[in-house]
N, C-alpha and C. Protein backbone atom coordinates (compact mmCIF):
# COMPACT_ATOMS: atom_id res chain seq x y z
N ILE A 1 102.87 -32.99 70.45
CA ILE A 1 103.09 -33.78 69.74
C ILE A 1 103.27 -35.32 69.93
N PRO A 2 102.04 -36.02 69.60
CA PRO A 2 102.39 -37.51 70.33
C PRO A 2 103.76 -38.46 69.19
N VAL A 3 103.85 -39.07 69.79
CA VAL A 3 105.24 -39.87 69.14
C VAL A 3 104.25 -40.84 67.71
N ALA A 4 103.27 -41.29 67.67
CA ALA A 4 102.43 -41.66 66.86
C ALA A 4 100.94 -41.79 66.95
N SER A 5 100.21 -41.59 65.71
CA SER A 5 98.78 -41.43 66.14
C SER A 5 98.28 -41.68 64.38
N SER A 6 97.14 -42.33 64.68
CA SER A 6 96.65 -42.82 63.13
C SER A 6 95.34 -41.67 62.76
N SER A 7 95.35 -40.63 64.07
CA SER A 7 94.35 -39.24 63.71
C SER A 7 94.93 -38.20 63.03
N TYR A 8 96.42 -38.18 62.69
CA TYR A 8 97.21 -36.95 62.36
C TYR A 8 97.51 -37.20 60.48
N TYR A 9 97.20 -36.48 59.90
CA TYR A 9 97.21 -36.19 58.52
C TYR A 9 97.29 -34.75 57.83
N LEU A 10 98.70 -34.47 57.31
CA LEU A 10 98.79 -33.07 57.07
C LEU A 10 99.03 -33.46 55.33
N SER A 11 98.37 -32.19 54.35
CA SER A 11 98.46 -32.12 53.31
C SER A 11 99.04 -30.62 53.19
N SER A 12 99.34 -30.72 51.76
CA SER A 12 99.35 -28.94 51.03
C SER A 12 97.90 -27.73 51.16
N GLY A 13 98.21 -26.86 51.70
CA GLY A 13 97.51 -26.29 52.27
C GLY A 13 97.08 -26.27 53.90
N ALA A 14 96.81 -27.39 54.85
CA ALA A 14 97.03 -27.36 55.70
C ALA A 14 98.07 -25.90 56.49
N GLN A 15 97.37 -25.73 58.21
CA GLN A 15 98.12 -24.97 58.71
C GLN A 15 98.22 -24.82 60.13
N GLY A 16 99.06 -24.59 60.69
CA GLY A 16 98.40 -24.36 62.33
C GLY A 16 99.80 -25.11 63.06
N ILE A 17 99.92 -25.27 64.51
CA ILE A 17 100.69 -25.95 64.90
C ILE A 17 101.04 -26.85 64.56
N SER A 18 100.64 -28.17 64.15
CA SER A 18 101.06 -29.34 63.79
C SER A 18 102.22 -29.31 62.76
N VAL A 19 101.55 -28.34 61.73
CA VAL A 19 102.75 -28.54 60.54
C VAL A 19 104.01 -27.41 61.02
N PHE A 20 103.74 -26.63 61.69
CA PHE A 20 105.03 -25.85 61.97
C PHE A 20 105.90 -26.80 62.97
N LYS A 21 105.13 -27.60 63.79
CA LYS A 21 106.44 -28.66 64.76
C LYS A 21 106.65 -29.83 63.69
N MET A 22 105.98 -30.42 62.61
CA MET A 22 106.56 -30.97 61.79
C MET A 22 107.41 -30.42 60.58
N GLN A 23 107.47 -28.99 60.43
CA GLN A 23 108.66 -28.53 59.77
C GLN A 23 109.54 -28.69 60.43
N GLU A 24 109.55 -28.10 61.89
CA GLU A 24 110.41 -27.46 62.54
C GLU A 24 111.58 -29.27 62.57
N TYR A 25 110.55 -30.45 62.88
CA TYR A 25 111.44 -31.94 62.85
C TYR A 25 112.03 -32.22 61.76
N LEU A 26 111.53 -31.91 60.43
CA LEU A 26 112.08 -31.60 59.38
C LEU A 26 113.43 -31.10 59.70
N ASN A 27 113.45 -29.89 59.93
CA ASN A 27 114.11 -28.84 59.56
C ASN A 27 115.62 -29.48 60.05
N GLU A 28 115.05 -30.35 61.59
CA GLU A 28 116.46 -30.77 62.25
C GLU A 28 116.77 -31.93 61.67
N ILE A 29 116.42 -32.64 61.33
CA ILE A 29 116.59 -33.80 60.69
C ILE A 29 117.33 -33.64 59.42
N ALA A 30 117.08 -32.70 58.39
CA ALA A 30 117.40 -32.24 57.26
C ALA A 30 119.00 -31.68 57.46
N ALA A 31 119.27 -30.87 58.70
CA ALA A 31 120.30 -30.04 59.38
C ALA A 31 120.77 -31.42 59.39
N VAL A 32 121.33 -32.51 59.82
CA VAL A 32 121.82 -33.45 60.32
C VAL A 32 122.10 -34.61 58.54
N ASN A 33 121.55 -34.62 57.88
CA ASN A 33 121.63 -34.85 56.29
C ASN A 33 121.71 -34.32 55.75
N ASN A 34 122.53 -32.90 55.71
CA ASN A 34 122.76 -32.24 54.99
C ASN A 34 121.87 -31.33 53.50
N ALA A 35 120.19 -31.93 54.07
CA ALA A 35 119.63 -31.32 53.01
C ALA A 35 118.69 -30.29 53.24
N ALA A 36 118.01 -30.12 52.31
CA ALA A 36 117.26 -28.58 52.15
C ALA A 36 116.17 -28.41 53.69
N SER A 37 116.08 -27.59 53.73
CA SER A 37 115.36 -26.76 54.85
C SER A 37 113.99 -26.13 54.02
N ASP A 38 112.95 -25.80 55.67
CA ASP A 38 111.77 -25.30 54.68
C ASP A 38 111.50 -23.76 55.94
N THR A 39 110.81 -23.09 55.84
CA THR A 39 110.69 -22.01 56.82
C THR A 39 110.60 -22.03 58.04
N GLY A 40 109.36 -23.26 58.63
CA GLY A 40 108.80 -23.34 59.54
C GLY A 40 107.87 -22.27 59.88
N ASP A 41 106.94 -21.95 58.99
CA ASP A 41 106.30 -20.46 58.98
C ASP A 41 104.66 -21.52 59.66
N GLY A 42 104.68 -22.67 59.76
CA GLY A 42 103.50 -23.49 59.43
C GLY A 42 102.14 -23.64 58.60
N MET A 43 102.59 -23.28 57.19
CA MET A 43 101.92 -23.17 56.20
C MET A 43 102.44 -24.34 55.71
N TYR A 44 101.81 -25.75 55.06
CA TYR A 44 102.14 -26.57 54.25
C TYR A 44 101.75 -25.98 53.02
N GLY A 45 102.87 -25.80 52.30
CA GLY A 45 103.24 -25.02 51.37
C GLY A 45 103.91 -25.88 49.97
N PRO A 46 104.21 -25.35 48.87
CA PRO A 46 105.32 -26.35 48.04
C PRO A 46 106.73 -26.57 48.81
N ARG A 47 106.95 -26.09 49.73
CA ARG A 47 108.13 -26.06 50.18
C ARG A 47 108.31 -27.39 50.88
N THR A 48 107.23 -27.54 51.84
CA THR A 48 107.25 -28.10 53.23
C THR A 48 106.77 -29.40 52.39
N THR A 49 105.83 -29.52 50.84
CA THR A 49 105.64 -30.69 50.40
C THR A 49 106.99 -31.56 49.75
N THR A 50 107.63 -30.51 49.29
CA THR A 50 109.65 -30.69 48.49
C THR A 50 110.09 -31.69 49.80
N MET A 51 109.81 -30.97 50.78
CA MET A 51 110.87 -31.13 52.23
C MET A 51 110.24 -32.87 52.44
N VAL A 52 109.39 -32.80 52.65
CA VAL A 52 107.74 -34.13 52.63
C VAL A 52 108.59 -35.48 52.03
N GLN A 53 108.71 -35.54 50.61
CA GLN A 53 108.48 -35.83 49.26
C GLN A 53 110.33 -36.38 49.62
N GLN A 54 111.37 -35.72 49.51
CA GLN A 54 112.72 -36.32 50.09
C GLN A 54 112.78 -36.55 50.86
N PHE A 55 111.97 -36.59 51.82
CA PHE A 55 112.14 -37.46 53.79
C PHE A 55 111.56 -39.06 53.15
N GLN A 56 110.75 -38.88 52.78
CA GLN A 56 110.18 -40.22 52.41
C GLN A 56 110.91 -41.06 50.86
N TYR A 57 111.66 -40.19 50.25
CA TYR A 57 112.66 -40.84 49.69
C TYR A 57 113.97 -41.20 49.97
N LEU A 58 114.19 -40.67 51.14
CA LEU A 58 115.44 -41.07 51.53
C LEU A 58 114.87 -42.01 53.06
N TYR A 59 113.60 -42.52 53.25
CA TYR A 59 113.35 -43.39 54.48
C TYR A 59 112.13 -44.40 53.18
N ASP A 60 112.37 -44.51 52.42
CA ASP A 60 111.82 -45.41 51.41
C ASP A 60 110.45 -45.29 52.10
N LEU A 61 109.60 -44.44 52.23
CA LEU A 61 108.34 -44.23 52.04
C LEU A 61 107.63 -43.88 51.03
N ASN A 62 106.19 -44.46 50.77
CA ASN A 62 105.71 -43.85 49.76
C ASN A 62 105.43 -42.32 49.54
N ILE A 63 106.30 -42.18 48.09
CA ILE A 63 106.55 -40.47 48.17
C ILE A 63 105.25 -40.36 47.75
N ASP A 64 104.21 -39.26 48.25
CA ASP A 64 103.24 -38.45 47.80
C ASP A 64 103.01 -37.13 48.76
N GLY A 65 104.32 -36.77 49.49
CA GLY A 65 104.03 -35.48 49.52
C GLY A 65 103.05 -35.33 51.11
N VAL A 66 102.77 -36.64 51.26
CA VAL A 66 101.53 -36.13 52.55
C VAL A 66 102.06 -36.92 53.53
N ILE A 67 101.78 -36.08 54.75
CA ILE A 67 102.53 -36.57 56.00
C ILE A 67 100.97 -37.65 56.62
N GLY A 68 100.71 -38.62 56.23
CA GLY A 68 100.13 -39.51 57.19
C GLY A 68 100.97 -40.33 57.93
N LYS A 69 100.01 -41.52 58.53
CA LYS A 69 100.34 -42.23 59.76
C LYS A 69 102.30 -42.74 59.54
N ALA A 70 102.55 -43.24 58.55
CA ALA A 70 103.39 -43.83 58.41
C ALA A 70 104.63 -42.33 58.05
N THR A 71 104.67 -41.98 57.78
CA THR A 71 104.91 -40.29 57.48
C THR A 71 105.29 -39.82 58.24
N TRP A 72 104.03 -39.92 59.64
CA TRP A 72 104.34 -38.97 60.73
C TRP A 72 105.36 -39.95 61.97
N ASP A 73 104.88 -41.05 61.61
CA ASP A 73 105.57 -41.85 62.92
C ASP A 73 107.25 -41.97 62.78
N ALA A 74 107.66 -41.74 61.07
CA ALA A 74 108.52 -41.71 60.49
C ALA A 74 109.94 -40.80 61.22
N ILE A 75 109.18 -39.84 60.64
CA ILE A 75 109.18 -38.24 60.72
C ILE A 75 109.79 -37.88 62.31
N VAL A 76 109.01 -38.58 63.30
CA VAL A 76 108.68 -38.27 64.88
C VAL A 76 109.96 -39.30 65.01
N ASN A 77 110.04 -40.42 64.80
CA ASN A 77 111.37 -41.74 65.41
C ASN A 77 112.43 -41.54 65.21
N GLU A 78 112.81 -40.20 63.64
CA GLU A 78 114.14 -39.85 63.57
C GLU A 78 114.43 -39.04 64.43
N ARG A 79 113.52 -37.78 64.22
CA ARG A 79 113.75 -36.63 64.92
C ARG A 79 113.92 -37.14 66.73
N ASN A 80 113.42 -38.09 67.27
CA ASN A 80 113.77 -38.44 68.58
C ASN A 80 115.47 -38.88 68.21
N LYS A 81 115.64 -39.59 67.22
CA LYS A 81 117.16 -40.39 67.13
C LYS A 81 118.31 -39.04 67.64
N LEU A 82 118.09 -37.88 67.05
CA LEU A 82 119.02 -36.63 67.47
C LEU A 82 119.56 -36.73 68.55
């Protein structure tokens, strides 16, 4: 997964390796922040949406539950700081 890409957009209903990697990254960030984690199953369902919204809230991003460019970059950057 690249550090940043304007072509990446994930939302409810998406599935696959990109979703799995974002779930993995969010779980690593959540563990450090003692926050809820997701199953990491590669399916962008309600739990992933909630986790993304929590991340967006904590990192002062637009809280829409969608992983667009700003959220994607923030997740990758935070994960790389670990």
